[in-house]
Amino acid sequence: MTVSVVPEEPELGQQKWCPGCKEWWPLDEDFWYVQTIPAGSVGHSGGRTFLRTVPVHRWYTLCRACSLEANRTRYLNRREAVRAHYRMWYAEHKNEVSARRREMYAARSAA
């Protein structure tokens, strides 16, 4: 984790580098997502199991803005992939679907 005091802005205190936007941001929860692992939980490292004696704070790699952008992009890409799959499936099965719909409408109108 790249955390340091930026020489140009020492009054801001500790800052963390975001590789997404390539900027330094203050190390606090306004700019970064943090995962807090409580004391007393079990950890694993190097094939060994241990009990944590102090809480651990894991700061996300990307700042909040870049995390939101990455999640949104991943969501949109996945949604488009699913839609493309269904469009392809429908193109291959269009005649079968149309026949089933005609049968369904005929059964409704007959009843």
Protein backbone atom coordinates (compact mmCIF):
# COMPACT_ATOMS: atom_id res chain seq x y z
CA MET A 1 0.00 0.00 0.00
CA THR A 2 1.48 3.33 -1.02
CA VAL A 3 0.80 5.68 1.88
CA SER A 4 2.93 8.69 2.62
CA VAL A 5 2.97 12.40 3.29
CA VAL A 6 3.12 14.20 -0.06
CA PRO A 7 5.93 16.80 0.09
CA GLU A 8 3.90 19.46 -1.76
CA GLU A 9 0.97 19.20 0.69
CA PRO A 10 2.21 18.23 4.20
CA GLU A 11 -0.80 19.88 5.89
CA LEU A 12 -3.10 17.17 4.50
CA GLY A 13 -1.31 14.46 6.48
CA GLN A 14 -1.08 10.87 5.26
CA GLN A 15 -2.24 10.29 1.72
CA LYS A 16 -2.69 7.21 -0.43
CA TRP A 17 -1.97 6.80 -4.14
CA CYS A 18 -4.84 5.70 -6.39
CA PRO A 19 -3.58 3.78 -9.43
CA GLY A 20 -6.93 4.34 -11.19
CA CYS A 21 -6.91 8.14 -11.38
CA LYS A 22 -3.18 8.43 -10.62
CA GLU A 23 -3.75 10.96 -7.82
CA TRP A 24 -2.95 11.23 -4.13
CA TRP A 25 -5.95 11.38 -1.77
CA PRO A 26 -6.14 11.85 2.02
CA LEU A 27 -6.20 8.54 3.87
CA ASP A 28 -9.67 8.64 5.40
CA GLU A 29 -13.05 7.03 4.84
CA ASP A 30 -14.34 9.98 2.81
CA PHE A 31 -12.01 9.08 -0.06
CA TRP A 32 -11.40 5.33 0.43
CA TYR A 33 -13.42 2.23 1.20
CA VAL A 34 -12.01 0.36 4.19
CA GLN A 35 -12.59 -3.18 5.43
CA THR A 36 -12.17 -3.55 9.19
CA ILE A 37 -11.34 -7.03 10.45
CA PRO A 38 -12.11 -7.25 14.17
CA ALA A 39 -9.72 -8.40 16.87
CA GLY A 40 -10.30 -12.00 17.90
CA SER A 41 -10.95 -13.20 14.35
CA VAL A 42 -8.94 -15.99 12.79
CA GLY A 43 -6.37 -15.16 10.13
CA HIS A 44 -4.25 -17.20 7.75
CA SER A 45 -0.78 -16.34 6.51
CA GLY A 46 1.97 -18.48 5.03
CA GLY A 47 0.07 -21.70 5.73
CA ARG A 48 -0.33 -20.81 9.40
CA THR A 49 -3.47 -19.94 11.32
CA PHE A 50 -3.43 -17.22 13.96
CA LEU A 51 -5.77 -15.22 16.16
CA ARG A 52 -5.79 -11.46 15.58
CA THR A 53 -5.07 -9.45 18.72
CA VAL A 54 -5.81 -6.01 17.23
CA PRO A 55 -8.31 -4.89 14.59
CA VAL A 56 -6.92 -4.67 11.05
CA HIS A 57 -7.93 -1.97 8.55
CA ARG A 58 -7.61 -2.90 4.88
CA TRP A 59 -7.87 0.07 2.56
CA TYR A 60 -9.14 -0.62 -0.96
CA THR A 61 -6.65 -0.17 -3.81
CA LEU A 62 -8.81 2.27 -5.77
CA CYS A 63 -10.32 5.48 -4.38
CA ARG A 64 -14.10 5.65 -3.98
CA ALA A 65 -14.64 7.43 -7.31
CA CYS A 66 -12.55 4.91 -9.26
CA SER A 67 -14.18 2.00 -7.41
CA LEU A 68 -17.65 3.24 -8.33
CA GLU A 69 -16.59 3.75 -11.94
CA ALA A 70 -15.00 0.28 -12.14
CA ASN A 71 -18.09 -1.37 -10.61
CA ARG A 72 -20.42 0.50 -12.97
CA THR A 73 -18.30 -0.47 -16.00
CA ARG A 74 -18.19 -4.11 -14.89
CA TYR A 75 -21.98 -4.09 -14.38
CA LEU A 76 -22.65 -2.54 -17.81
CA ASN A 77 -20.29 -4.98 -19.56
CA ARG A 78 -21.95 -7.95 -17.86
CA ARG A 79 -25.45 -6.65 -18.65
CA GLU A 80 -24.52 -6.21 -22.32
CA ALA A 81 -23.04 -9.73 -22.45
CA VAL A 82 -26.26 -11.21 -21.05
CA ARG A 83 -28.40 -9.20 -23.47
CA ALA A 84 -26.22 -10.26 -26.40
CA HIS A 85 -26.60 -13.89 -25.34
CA TYR A 86 -30.39 -13.63 -25.26
CA ARG A 87 -30.47 -11.79 -28.62
CA MET A 88 -28.37 -14.59 -30.15
CA TRP A 89 -30.57 -17.27 -28.57
CA TYR A 90 -33.76 -15.57 -29.80
CA ALA A 91 -32.35 -15.26 -33.33
CA GLU A 92 -31.69 -19.01 -33.37
CA HIS A 93 -35.08 -19.98 -31.85
CA LYS A 94 -37.31 -17.28 -33.31
CA ASN A 95 -39.56 -19.66 -35.25
CA GLU A 96 -40.14 -21.89 -32.21
CA VAL A 97 -40.96 -18.92 -29.99
CA SER A 98 -43.36 -17.49 -32.58
CA ALA A 99 -45.14 -20.85 -32.91
CA ARG A 100 -45.53 -21.15 -29.12
CA ARG A 101 -46.91 -17.62 -28.91
CA ARG A 102 -49.44 -18.32 -31.66
CA GLU A 103 -50.55 -21.47 -29.82
CA MET A 104 -50.85 -19.58 -26.53
CA TYR A 105 -52.91 -16.76 -28.10
CA ALA A 106 -55.12 -19.27 -29.89
CA ALA A 107 -55.79 -21.11 -26.62
CA ARG A 108 -56.64 -17.83 -24.84
CA SER A 109 -59.03 -16.68 -27.54
CA ALA A 110 -60.74 -20.08 -27.69
CA ALA A 111 -61.43 -20.05 -23.93
